[in-house]
Amino acid sequence: MVVLRRINQSNLQAISMKKVIIQGLSIVVLFFATLFVFNQIDWMTLFKVKENTKKTEEKLGDLYWKYFKNTSEENHNKFINKKINKIVDILCEENSIDRSEVKVHVLNENVINAFTLPDGHLVVNSGLILASDSQDELVGVISHELAHIELDHVMKKLVKEVGLSILISITAGNSGSDMIYETARTLSSSAFDREFEREADLMAIEYMLNAKVNPAALADFLYKLSDDDMEYLSWISTHPDSKERAEYIIEYSLDKVIESTSLLSDKDWKKLLVETDEEQNE
């Protein structure tokens, strides 16, 4: 009897072990089967996440540009707009940037500034053009702003500082003009995170090098605008640590092969300055 009981216990243990193994295998099979099914689903298409995000960004871009257009004077001078667009055209072409995604605007504003809005809106103030001692300095700033667009820094900044729910509310027309005003100020008068600024600086260097423009011009511009005596200053006041940034731009560029050229002719650059000054002082 004792032997039989021991045999029965052994059988029960073996059966129990088999059940555990079978259950374990079943769980593993079920896991991989479920994973396989989930991988076959195009979640982006199913929930239209990408499409909805793009639509939200497009609406935000339109709203913010409308705000700046209504609160500032847009520059409609054909020559000025053509030359600023030419700079953007060349930078995009030499860096494989989709030019159709970049919307360029020039404002008659004394403030030395350039900034980006959602959906690829790039805004250049006349004050920035006139504060540039060379066209390469202007190219440097525009390259920096293009980098912010390509790195999607604008939407990341808005989501972090404003909140996705508020942004959606704005596009749905559920927020007043005060909210648009405050969030617009976030884009034009406050800096990106230091990490974002460094990323944009380093990418701007590559953009300039690819367009055969010496990136030292961007460093020169940063050094120059760190002078507290400059009037109507915004771009540098919203981009802190300018001297430090200028130094690492120079350091990063030291081992690069630089082929210096001009994106605009000397004649066009001089005319751009003259006509911008005339437009701004009308």
C-alpha atoms as a PDB file:
ATOM      1  CA  MET A   1       0.000   0.000   0.000  1.00  0.00           C
ATOM      2  CA  VAL A   2       2.797   2.393   0.852  1.00  0.00           C
ATOM      3  CA  VAL A   3       4.457   1.651  -2.486  1.00  0.00           C
ATOM      4  CA  LEU A   4       1.171   2.215  -4.346  1.00  0.00           C
ATOM      5  CA  ARG A   5       0.653   5.532  -2.581  1.00  0.00           C
ATOM      6  CA  ARG A   6       4.157   6.640  -3.533  1.00  0.00           C
ATOM      7  CA  ILE A   7       3.537   5.639  -7.159  1.00  0.00           C
ATOM      8  CA  ASN A   8       0.211   7.545  -7.175  1.00  0.00           C
ATOM      9  CA  GLN A   9       1.883  10.634  -5.705  1.00  0.00           C
ATOM     10  CA  SER A  10       4.593  10.468  -8.358  1.00  0.00           C
ATOM     11  CA  ASN A  11       1.966  10.185 -11.074  1.00  0.00           C
ATOM     12  CA  LEU A  12       0.056  13.135  -9.652  1.00  0.00           C
ATOM     13  CA  GLN A  13       3.213  15.236  -9.529  1.00  0.00           C
ATOM     14  CA  ALA A  14       4.049  14.309 -13.115  1.00  0.00           C
ATOM     15  CA  ILE A  15       0.526  15.153 -14.260  1.00  0.00           C
ATOM     16  CA  SER A  16       0.647  18.433 -12.353  1.00  0.00           C
ATOM     17  CA  MET A  17       4.015  19.300 -13.908  1.00  0.00           C
ATOM     18  CA  LYS A  18       2.655  18.553 -17.382  1.00  0.00           C
ATOM     19  CA  LYS A  19      -0.296  20.881 -16.748  1.00  0.00           C
ATOM     20  CA  VAL A  20       2.043  23.656 -15.644  1.00  0.00           C
ATOM     21  CA  ILE A  21       4.215  23.196 -18.747  1.00  0.00           C
ATOM     22  CA  ILE A  22       1.182  23.085 -21.043  1.00  0.00           C
ATOM     23  CA  GLN A  23      -0.270  26.208 -19.425  1.00  0.00           C
ATOM     24  CA  GLY A  24       3.083  27.972 -19.737  1.00  0.00           C
ATOM     25  CA  LEU A  25       3.409  27.033 -23.389  1.00  0.00           C
ATOM     26  CA  SER A  26      -0.165  28.153 -24.008  1.00  0.00           C
ATOM     27  CA  ILE A  27       0.578  31.550 -22.473  1.00  0.00           C
ATOM     28  CA  VAL A  28       3.723  31.934 -24.593  1.00  0.00           C
ATOM     29  CA  VAL A  29       1.865  30.916 -27.767  1.00  0.00           C
ATOM     30  CA  LEU A  30      -1.013  33.262 -26.922  1.00  0.00           C
ATOM     31  CA  PHE A  31       1.430  36.119 -26.283  1.00  0.00           C
ATOM     32  CA  PHE A  32       3.209  35.739 -29.615  1.00  0.00           C
ATOM     33  CA  ALA A  33      -0.055  35.197 -31.463  1.00  0.00           C
ATOM     34  CA  THR A  34      -1.450  38.399 -29.961  1.00  0.00           C
ATOM     35  CA  LEU A  35       1.783  40.248 -30.766  1.00  0.00           C
ATOM     36  CA  PHE A  36       1.615  39.016 -34.345  1.00  0.00           C
ATOM     37  CA  VAL A  37      -1.974  40.241 -34.722  1.00  0.00           C
ATOM     38  CA  PHE A  38      -1.138  43.645 -33.217  1.00  0.00           C
ATOM     39  CA  ASN A  39       1.804  44.032 -35.593  1.00  0.00           C
ATOM     40  CA  GLN A  40      -0.482  43.493 -38.552  1.00  0.00           C
ATOM     41  CA  ILE A  41      -2.582  46.512 -37.572  1.00  0.00           C
ATOM     42  CA  ASP A  42      -1.658  49.918 -38.941  1.00  0.00           C
ATOM     43  CA  TRP A  43      -2.398  51.862 -35.795  1.00  0.00           C
ATOM     44  CA  MET A  44      -1.462  55.208 -37.336  1.00  0.00           C
ATOM     45  CA  THR A  45      -4.044  54.653 -40.047  1.00  0.00           C
ATOM     46  CA  LEU A  46      -6.576  53.167 -37.639  1.00  0.00           C
ATOM     47  CA  PHE A  47      -6.580  56.138 -35.314  1.00  0.00           C
ATOM     48  CA  LYS A  48      -5.449  58.687 -37.928  1.00  0.00           C
ATOM     49  CA  VAL A  49      -3.038  60.071 -35.353  1.00  0.00           C
ATOM     50  CA  LYS A  50      -0.587  61.492 -37.861  1.00  0.00           C
ATOM     51  CA  GLU A  51      -3.309  62.996 -40.007  1.00  0.00           C
ATOM     52  CA  ASN A  52      -5.053  64.629 -37.037  1.00  0.00           C
ATOM     53  CA  THR A  53      -1.765  65.993 -35.701  1.00  0.00           C
ATOM     54  CA  LYS A  54      -0.968  67.509 -39.094  1.00  0.00           C
ATOM     55  CA  LYS A  55      -4.401  69.123 -39.309  1.00  0.00           C
ATOM     56  CA  THR A  56      -4.022  70.576 -35.823  1.00  0.00           C
ATOM     57  CA  GLU A  57      -0.601  71.977 -36.738  1.00  0.00           C
ATOM     58  CA  GLU A  58      -1.944  73.484 -39.972  1.00  0.00           C
ATOM     59  CA  LYS A  59      -4.788  75.197 -38.121  1.00  0.00           C
ATOM     60  CA  LEU A  60      -2.414  76.506 -35.458  1.00  0.00           C
ATOM     61  CA  GLY A  61      -0.064  77.834 -38.118  1.00  0.00           C
ATOM     62  CA  ASP A  62      -2.903  79.683 -39.836  1.00  0.00           C
ATOM     63  CA  LEU A  63      -4.204  81.118 -36.566  1.00  0.00           C
ATOM     64  CA  TYR A  64      -0.814  82.334 -35.356  1.00  0.00           C
ATOM     65  CA  TRP A  65       0.171  83.819 -38.688  1.00  0.00           C
ATOM     66  CA  LYS A  66      -3.184  85.595 -38.881  1.00  0.00           C
ATOM     67  CA  TYR A  67      -2.486  87.042 -35.434  1.00  0.00           C
ATOM     68  CA  PHE A  68       0.966  88.386 -36.405  1.00  0.00           C
ATOM     69  CA  LYS A  69      -0.335  89.607 -39.743  1.00  0.00           C
ATOM     70  CA  ASN A  70      -3.081  91.588 -37.991  1.00  0.00           C
ATOM     71  CA  THR A  71      -0.885  92.989 -35.219  1.00  0.00           C
ATOM     72  CA  SER A  72       2.146  93.874 -37.374  1.00  0.00           C
ATOM     73  CA  GLU A  73       2.693  95.306 -40.821  1.00  0.00           C
ATOM     74  CA  GLU A  74       3.423  92.656 -43.418  1.00  0.00           C
ATOM     75  CA  ASN A  75       6.050  93.587 -45.978  1.00  0.00           C
ATOM     76  CA  HIS A  76       4.692  93.240 -49.528  1.00  0.00           C
ATOM     77  CA  ASN A  77       7.752  94.584 -51.340  1.00  0.00           C
ATOM     78  CA  LYS A  78       8.269  92.118 -54.200  1.00  0.00           C
ATOM     79  CA  PHE A  79      12.040  92.517 -54.347  1.00  0.00           C
ATOM     80  CA  ILE A  80      12.536  92.031 -50.598  1.00  0.00           C
ATOM     81  CA  ASN A  81      10.299  88.961 -50.466  1.00  0.00           C
ATOM     82  CA  LYS A  82      11.892  87.500 -53.590  1.00  0.00           C
ATOM     83  CA  LYS A  83      15.416  87.752 -52.144  1.00  0.00           C
ATOM     84  CA  ILE A  84      14.511  86.369 -48.728  1.00  0.00           C
ATOM     85  CA  ASN A  85      12.722  83.517 -50.472  1.00  0.00           C
ATOM     86  CA  LYS A  86      15.778  82.958 -52.665  1.00  0.00           C
ATOM     87  CA  ILE A  87      17.928  82.445 -49.568  1.00  0.00           C
ATOM     88  CA  VAL A  88      15.402  79.914 -48.255  1.00  0.00           C
ATOM     89  CA  ASP A  89      15.183  78.254 -51.693  1.00  0.00           C
ATOM     90  CA  ILE A  90      18.931  77.636 -51.835  1.00  0.00           C
ATOM     91  CA  LEU A  91      19.180  76.424 -48.232  1.00  0.00           C
ATOM     92  CA  CYS A  92      16.308  73.999 -48.819  1.00  0.00           C
ATOM     93  CA  GLU A  93      17.717  72.754 -52.112  1.00  0.00           C
ATOM     94  CA  GLU A  94      21.218  72.186 -50.725  1.00  0.00           C
ATOM     95  CA  ASN A  95      19.904  70.405 -47.615  1.00  0.00           C
ATOM     96  CA  SER A  96      17.081  68.280 -49.053  1.00  0.00           C
ATOM     97  CA  ILE A  97      14.397  70.236 -47.214  1.00  0.00           C
ATOM     98  CA  ASP A  98      10.901  70.153 -48.704  1.00  0.00           C
ATOM     99  CA  ARG A  99      10.590  73.787 -49.809  1.00  0.00           C
ATOM    100  CA  SER A 100       6.821  73.483 -50.268  1.00  0.00           C
ATOM    101  CA  GLU A 101       6.520  72.964 -46.505  1.00  0.00           C
ATOM    102  CA  VAL A 102       8.196  76.294 -45.649  1.00  0.00           C
ATOM    103  CA  LYS A 103       6.094  79.474 -45.745  1.00  0.00           C
ATOM    104  CA  VAL A 104       8.162  82.667 -45.614  1.00  0.00           C
ATOM    105  CA  HIS A 105       6.838  86.000 -44.311  1.00  0.00           C
ATOM    106  CA  VAL A 106       8.551  89.366 -43.841  1.00  0.00           C
ATOM    107  CA  LEU A 107       7.281  91.882 -41.284  1.00  0.00           C
ATOM    108  CA  ASN A 108       8.136  95.584 -41.111  1.00  0.00           C
ATOM    109  CA  GLU A 109       9.302  95.462 -37.504  1.00  0.00           C
ATOM    110  CA  ASN A 110      12.260  97.260 -35.919  1.00  0.00           C
ATOM    111  CA  VAL A 111      12.750  94.363 -33.521  1.00  0.00           C
ATOM    112  CA  ILE A 112      15.767  92.253 -34.522  1.00  0.00           C
ATOM    113  CA  ASN A 113      14.041  88.924 -34.696  1.00  0.00           C
ATOM    114  CA  ALA A 114      13.121  85.859 -36.722  1.00  0.00           C
ATOM    115  CA  PHE A 115      10.917  83.065 -35.472  1.00  0.00           C
ATOM    116  CA  THR A 116       8.937  80.051 -36.575  1.00  0.00           C
ATOM    117  CA  LEU A 117       5.306  79.093 -36.220  1.00  0.00           C
ATOM    118  CA  PRO A 118       3.580  75.719 -36.541  1.00  0.00           C
ATOM    119  CA  ASP A 119       3.224  74.205 -40.012  1.00  0.00           C
ATOM    120  CA  GLY A 120       6.476  75.615 -41.341  1.00  0.00           C
ATOM    121  CA  HIS A 121       5.789  79.358 -41.102  1.00  0.00           C
ATOM    122  CA  LEU A 122       9.079  81.281 -40.983  1.00  0.00           C
ATOM    123  CA  VAL A 123       8.814  84.954 -40.038  1.00  0.00           C
ATOM    124  CA  VAL A 124      11.662  87.410 -40.663  1.00  0.00           C
ATOM    125  CA  ASN A 125      11.559  90.953 -39.246  1.00  0.00           C
ATOM    126  CA  SER A 126      12.974  93.829 -41.298  1.00  0.00           C
ATOM    127  CA  GLY A 127      14.980  94.774 -38.202  1.00  0.00           C
ATOM    128  CA  LEU A 128      16.926  91.528 -38.532  1.00  0.00           C
ATOM    129  CA  ILE A 129      17.793  92.221 -42.176  1.00  0.00           C
ATOM    130  CA  LEU A 130      19.093  95.702 -41.328  1.00  0.00           C
ATOM    131  CA  ALA A 131      21.051  94.432 -38.302  1.00  0.00           C
ATOM    132  CA  SER A 132      22.951  91.941 -40.457  1.00  0.00           C
ATOM    133  CA  ASP A 133      26.396  93.300 -41.373  1.00  0.00           C
ATOM    134  CA  SER A 134      26.621  90.706 -44.125  1.00  0.00           C
ATOM    135  CA  GLN A 135      24.197  88.497 -45.973  1.00  0.00           C
ATOM    136  CA  ASP A 136      25.947  85.476 -44.419  1.00  0.00           C
ATOM    137  CA  GLU A 137      24.791  86.605 -40.967  1.00  0.00           C
ATOM    138  CA  LEU A 138      21.212  86.706 -42.212  1.00  0.00           C
ATOM    139  CA  VAL A 139      21.670  83.292 -43.829  1.00  0.00           C
ATOM    140  CA  GLY A 140      22.920  81.979 -40.482  1.00  0.00           C
ATOM    141  CA  VAL A 141      19.838  83.120 -38.586  1.00  0.00           C
ATOM    142  CA  ILE A 142      17.490  81.804 -41.276  1.00  0.00           C
ATOM    143  CA  SER A 143      19.368  78.476 -41.209  1.00  0.00           C
ATOM    144  CA  HIS A 144      18.870  78.316 -37.456  1.00  0.00           C
ATOM    145  CA  GLU A 145      15.129  78.907 -37.789  1.00  0.00           C
ATOM    146  CA  LEU A 146      14.833  76.350 -40.604  1.00  0.00           C
ATOM    147  CA  ALA A 147      16.491  73.837 -38.288  1.00  0.00           C
ATOM    148  CA  HIS A 148      13.820  74.506 -35.650  1.00  0.00           C
ATOM    149  CA  ILE A 149      11.185  73.709 -38.280  1.00  0.00           C
ATOM    150  CA  GLU A 150      12.886  70.528 -39.481  1.00  0.00           C
ATOM    151  CA  LEU A 151      13.446  69.287 -35.921  1.00  0.00           C
ATOM    152  CA  ASP A 152       9.783  69.948 -35.047  1.00  0.00           C
ATOM    153  CA  HIS A 153      10.847  72.132 -32.114  1.00  0.00           C
ATOM    154  CA  VAL A 154       7.881  74.478 -32.528  1.00  0.00           C
ATOM    155  CA  MET A 155       5.160  71.942 -31.764  1.00  0.00           C
ATOM    156  CA  LYS A 156       7.258  70.279 -29.055  1.00  0.00           C
ATOM    157  CA  LYS A 157       7.653  73.658 -27.355  1.00  0.00           C
ATOM    158  CA  LEU A 158       3.949  74.461 -27.598  1.00  0.00           C
ATOM    159  CA  VAL A 159       2.838  71.090 -26.271  1.00  0.00           C
ATOM    160  CA  LYS A 160       5.270  71.374 -23.354  1.00  0.00           C
ATOM    161  CA  GLU A 161       4.517  74.979 -22.387  1.00  0.00           C
ATOM    162  CA  VAL A 162       0.861  75.325 -23.374  1.00  0.00           C
ATOM    163  CA  GLY A 163      -0.530  71.804 -23.332  1.00  0.00           C
ATOM    164  CA  LEU A 164      -2.054  69.670 -26.058  1.00  0.00           C
ATOM    165  CA  SER A 165      -5.617  70.048 -24.786  1.00  0.00           C
ATOM    166  CA  ILE A 166      -5.391  73.858 -24.940  1.00  0.00           C
ATOM    167  CA  LEU A 167      -3.909  73.726 -28.435  1.00  0.00           C
ATOM    168  CA  ILE A 168      -6.751  71.514 -29.624  1.00  0.00           C
ATOM    169  CA  SER A 169      -9.203  73.857 -27.937  1.00  0.00           C
ATOM    170  CA  ILE A 170      -7.682  76.789 -29.823  1.00  0.00           C
ATOM    171  CA  THR A 171      -8.039  75.057 -33.182  1.00  0.00           C
ATOM    172  CA  ALA A 172     -11.636  74.151 -32.333  1.00  0.00           C
ATOM    173  CA  GLY A 173     -12.418  77.821 -31.719  1.00  0.00           C
ATOM    174  CA  ASN A 174     -13.128  77.294 -28.025  1.00  0.00           C
ATOM    175  CA  SER A 175     -10.497  79.714 -26.749  1.00  0.00           C
ATOM    176  CA  GLY A 176     -10.582  83.481 -26.817  1.00  0.00           C
ATOM    177  CA  SER A 177      -8.154  85.907 -28.442  1.00  0.00           C
ATOM    178  CA  ASP A 178      -6.291  86.287 -25.125  1.00  0.00           C
ATOM    179  CA  MET A 179      -5.175  82.659 -25.310  1.00  0.00           C
ATOM    180  CA  ILE A 180      -3.983  83.087 -28.900  1.00  0.00           C
ATOM    181  CA  TYR A 181      -2.157  86.272 -27.864  1.00  0.00           C
ATOM    182  CA  GLU A 182      -0.366  84.577 -24.966  1.00  0.00           C
ATOM    183  CA  THR A 183       0.615  81.478 -26.926  1.00  0.00           C
ATOM    184  CA  ALA A 184       1.746  83.603 -29.885  1.00  0.00           C
ATOM    185  CA  ARG A 185       4.070  85.505 -27.548  1.00  0.00           C
ATOM    186  CA  THR A 186       5.482  82.158 -26.467  1.00  0.00           C
ATOM    187  CA  LEU A 187       6.646  81.557 -30.024  1.00  0.00           C
ATOM    188  CA  SER A 188       8.061  84.983 -30.839  1.00  0.00           C
ATOM    189  CA  SER A 189       9.549  86.145 -27.551  1.00  0.00           C
ATOM    190  CA  SER A 190      10.732  83.202 -25.476  1.00  0.00           C
ATOM    191  CA  ALA A 191      13.653  80.861 -25.998  1.00  0.00           C
ATOM    192  CA  PHE A 192      13.634  77.179 -26.799  1.00  0.00           C
ATOM    193  CA  ASP A 193      15.275  74.818 -24.322  1.00  0.00           C
ATOM    194  CA  ARG A 194      19.064  74.918 -24.355  1.00  0.00           C
ATOM    195  CA  GLU A 195      19.132  71.431 -25.890  1.00  0.00           C
ATOM    196  CA  PHE A 196      16.855  72.576 -28.733  1.00  0.00           C
ATOM    197  CA  GLU A 197      18.954  75.685 -29.349  1.00  0.00           C
ATOM    198  CA  ARG A 198      22.139  73.653 -29.544  1.00  0.00           C
ATOM    199  CA  GLU A 199      20.523  71.172 -31.938  1.00  0.00           C
ATOM    200  CA  ALA A 200      19.332  74.037 -34.139  1.00  0.00           C
ATOM    201  CA  ASP A 201      22.762  75.707 -34.051  1.00  0.00           C
ATOM    202  CA  LEU A 202      24.598  72.546 -35.070  1.00  0.00           C
ATOM    203  CA  MET A 203      22.105  71.778 -37.814  1.00  0.00           C
ATOM    204  CA  ALA A 204      22.341  75.394 -39.020  1.00  0.00           C
ATOM    205  CA  ILE A 205      26.108  74.938 -39.353  1.00  0.00           C
ATOM    206  CA  GLU A 206      25.547  71.924 -41.609  1.00  0.00           C
ATOM    207  CA  TYR A 207      22.954  73.839 -43.628  1.00  0.00           C
ATOM    208  CA  MET A 208      25.388  76.698 -44.167  1.00  0.00           C
ATOM    209  CA  LEU A 209      28.288  74.414 -45.049  1.00  0.00           C
ATOM    210  CA  ASN A 210      26.157  72.546 -47.574  1.00  0.00           C
ATOM    211  CA  ALA A 211      25.180  75.891 -49.114  1.00  0.00           C
ATOM    212  CA  LYS A 212      28.877  76.887 -49.128  1.00  0.00           C
ATOM    213  CA  VAL A 213      28.381  79.687 -46.589  1.00  0.00           C
ATOM    214  CA  ASN A 214      30.905  80.142 -43.786  1.00  0.00           C
ATOM    215  CA  PRO A 215      29.146  79.361 -40.443  1.00  0.00           C
ATOM    216  CA  ALA A 216      31.510  81.764 -38.673  1.00  0.00           C
ATOM    217  CA  ALA A 217      29.023  84.452 -39.767  1.00  0.00           C
ATOM    218  CA  LEU A 218      26.423  83.021 -37.385  1.00  0.00           C
ATOM    219  CA  ALA A 219      28.970  83.142 -34.566  1.00  0.00           C
ATOM    220  CA  ASP A 220      29.784  86.758 -35.480  1.00  0.00           C
ATOM    221  CA  PHE A 221      26.098  87.633 -35.317  1.00  0.00           C
ATOM    222  CA  LEU A 222      25.756  86.041 -31.875  1.00  0.00           C
ATOM    223  CA  TYR A 223      28.811  87.882 -30.565  1.00  0.00           C
ATOM    224  CA  LYS A 224      27.560  91.178 -31.960  1.00  0.00           C
ATOM    225  CA  LEU A 225      24.070  90.902 -30.553  1.00  0.00           C
ATOM    226  CA  SER A 226      25.343  90.039 -27.079  1.00  0.00           C
ATOM    227  CA  ASP A 227      26.054  93.770 -26.778  1.00  0.00           C
ATOM    228  CA  ASP A 228      23.518  95.180 -24.327  1.00  0.00           C
ATOM    229  CA  ASP A 229      23.562  98.526 -26.126  1.00  0.00           C
ATOM    230  CA  MET A 230      21.768  97.120 -29.174  1.00  0.00           C
ATOM    231  CA  GLU A 231      18.279  98.555 -29.608  1.00  0.00           C
ATOM    232  CA  TYR A 232      15.110  96.650 -30.501  1.00  0.00           C
ATOM    233  CA  LEU A 233      16.804  93.381 -29.670  1.00  0.00           C
ATOM    234  CA  SER A 234      14.715  90.223 -29.476  1.00  0.00           C
ATOM    235  CA  TRP A 235      16.358  87.298 -31.272  1.00  0.00           C
ATOM    236  CA  ILE A 236      19.379  87.199 -29.001  1.00  0.00           C
ATOM    237  CA  SER A 237      17.494  88.082 -25.809  1.00  0.00           C
ATOM    238  CA  THR A 238      15.325  85.062 -26.418  1.00  0.00           C
ATOM    239  CA  HIS A 239      18.370  82.922 -27.200  1.00  0.00           C
ATOM    240  CA  PRO A 240      20.507  83.089 -24.038  1.00  0.00           C
ATOM    241  CA  ASP A 241      24.219  82.255 -23.647  1.00  0.00           C
ATOM    242  CA  SER A 242      25.021  83.828 -27.001  1.00  0.00           C
ATOM    243  CA  LYS A 243      28.776  84.024 -26.415  1.00  0.00           C
ATOM    244  CA  GLU A 244      28.912  80.388 -25.368  1.00  0.00           C
ATOM    245  CA  ARG A 245      26.934  79.421 -28.458  1.00  0.00           C
ATOM    246  CA  ALA A 246      29.219  81.453 -30.707  1.00  0.00           C
ATOM    247  CA  GLU A 247      32.247  79.670 -29.263  1.00  0.00           C
ATOM    248  CA  TYR A 248      30.956  76.155 -29.854  1.00  0.00           C
ATOM    249  CA  ILE A 249      29.805  77.114 -33.364  1.00  0.00           C
ATOM    250  CA  ILE A 250      33.370  78.178 -34.151  1.00  0.00           C
ATOM    251  CA  GLU A 251      34.832  75.107 -32.442  1.00  0.00           C
ATOM    252  CA  TYR A 252      32.446  72.761 -34.257  1.00  0.00           C
ATOM    253  CA  SER A 253      33.316  74.378 -37.591  1.00  0.00           C
ATOM    254  CA  LEU A 254      37.106  74.276 -37.190  1.00  0.00           C
ATOM    255  CA  ASP A 255      37.647  70.889 -38.855  1.00  0.00           C
ATOM    256  CA  LYS A 256      35.061  71.469 -41.592  1.00  0.00           C
ATOM    257  CA  VAL A 257      35.935  72.157 -45.198  1.00  0.00           C
ATOM    258  CA  ILE A 258      34.507  75.587 -45.929  1.00  0.00           C
ATOM    259  CA  GLU A 259      33.802  76.800 -49.445  1.00  0.00           C
ATOM    260  CA  SER A 260      32.759  80.416 -49.082  1.00  0.00           C
ATOM    261  CA  THR A 261      30.252  81.840 -51.528  1.00  0.00           C
ATOM    262  CA  SER A 262      27.336  84.301 -51.508  1.00  0.00           C
ATOM    263  CA  LEU A 263      23.720  83.321 -51.982  1.00  0.00           C
ATOM    264  CA  LEU A 264      22.850  86.811 -53.239  1.00  0.00           C
ATOM    265  CA  SER A 265      24.902  89.062 -55.478  1.00  0.00           C
ATOM    266  CA  ASP A 266      26.519  92.090 -53.834  1.00  0.00           C
ATOM    267  CA  LYS A 267      24.207  94.301 -55.877  1.00  0.00           C
ATOM    268  CA  ASP A 268      21.094  92.474 -54.678  1.00  0.00           C
ATOM    269  CA  TRP A 269      22.287  92.489 -51.048  1.00  0.00           C
ATOM    270  CA  LYS A 270      22.855  96.252 -51.077  1.00  0.00           C
ATOM    271  CA  LYS A 271      19.500  96.823 -52.743  1.00  0.00           C
ATOM    272  CA  LEU A 272      17.833  94.556 -50.169  1.00  0.00           C
ATOM    273  CA  LEU A 273      19.205  96.717 -47.347  1.00  0.00           C
ATOM    274  CA  VAL A 274      18.167  99.974 -49.028  1.00  0.00           C
ATOM    275  CA  GLU A 275      14.625  98.869 -49.840  1.00  0.00           C
ATOM    276  CA  THR A 276      14.135  97.282 -46.425  1.00  0.00           C
ATOM    277  CA  ASP A 277      15.201 100.524 -44.756  1.00  0.00           C
ATOM    278  CA  GLU A 278      12.843 102.525 -46.947  1.00  0.00           C
ATOM    279  CA  GLU A 279       9.921 100.183 -46.240  1.00  0.00           C
ATOM    280  CA  GLN A 280      10.551 100.256 -42.513  1.00  0.00           C
ATOM    281  CA  ASN A 281      10.706 104.044 -42.348  1.00  0.00           C
ATOM    282  CA  GLU A 282       7.652 104.810 -44.475  1.00  0.00           C
END
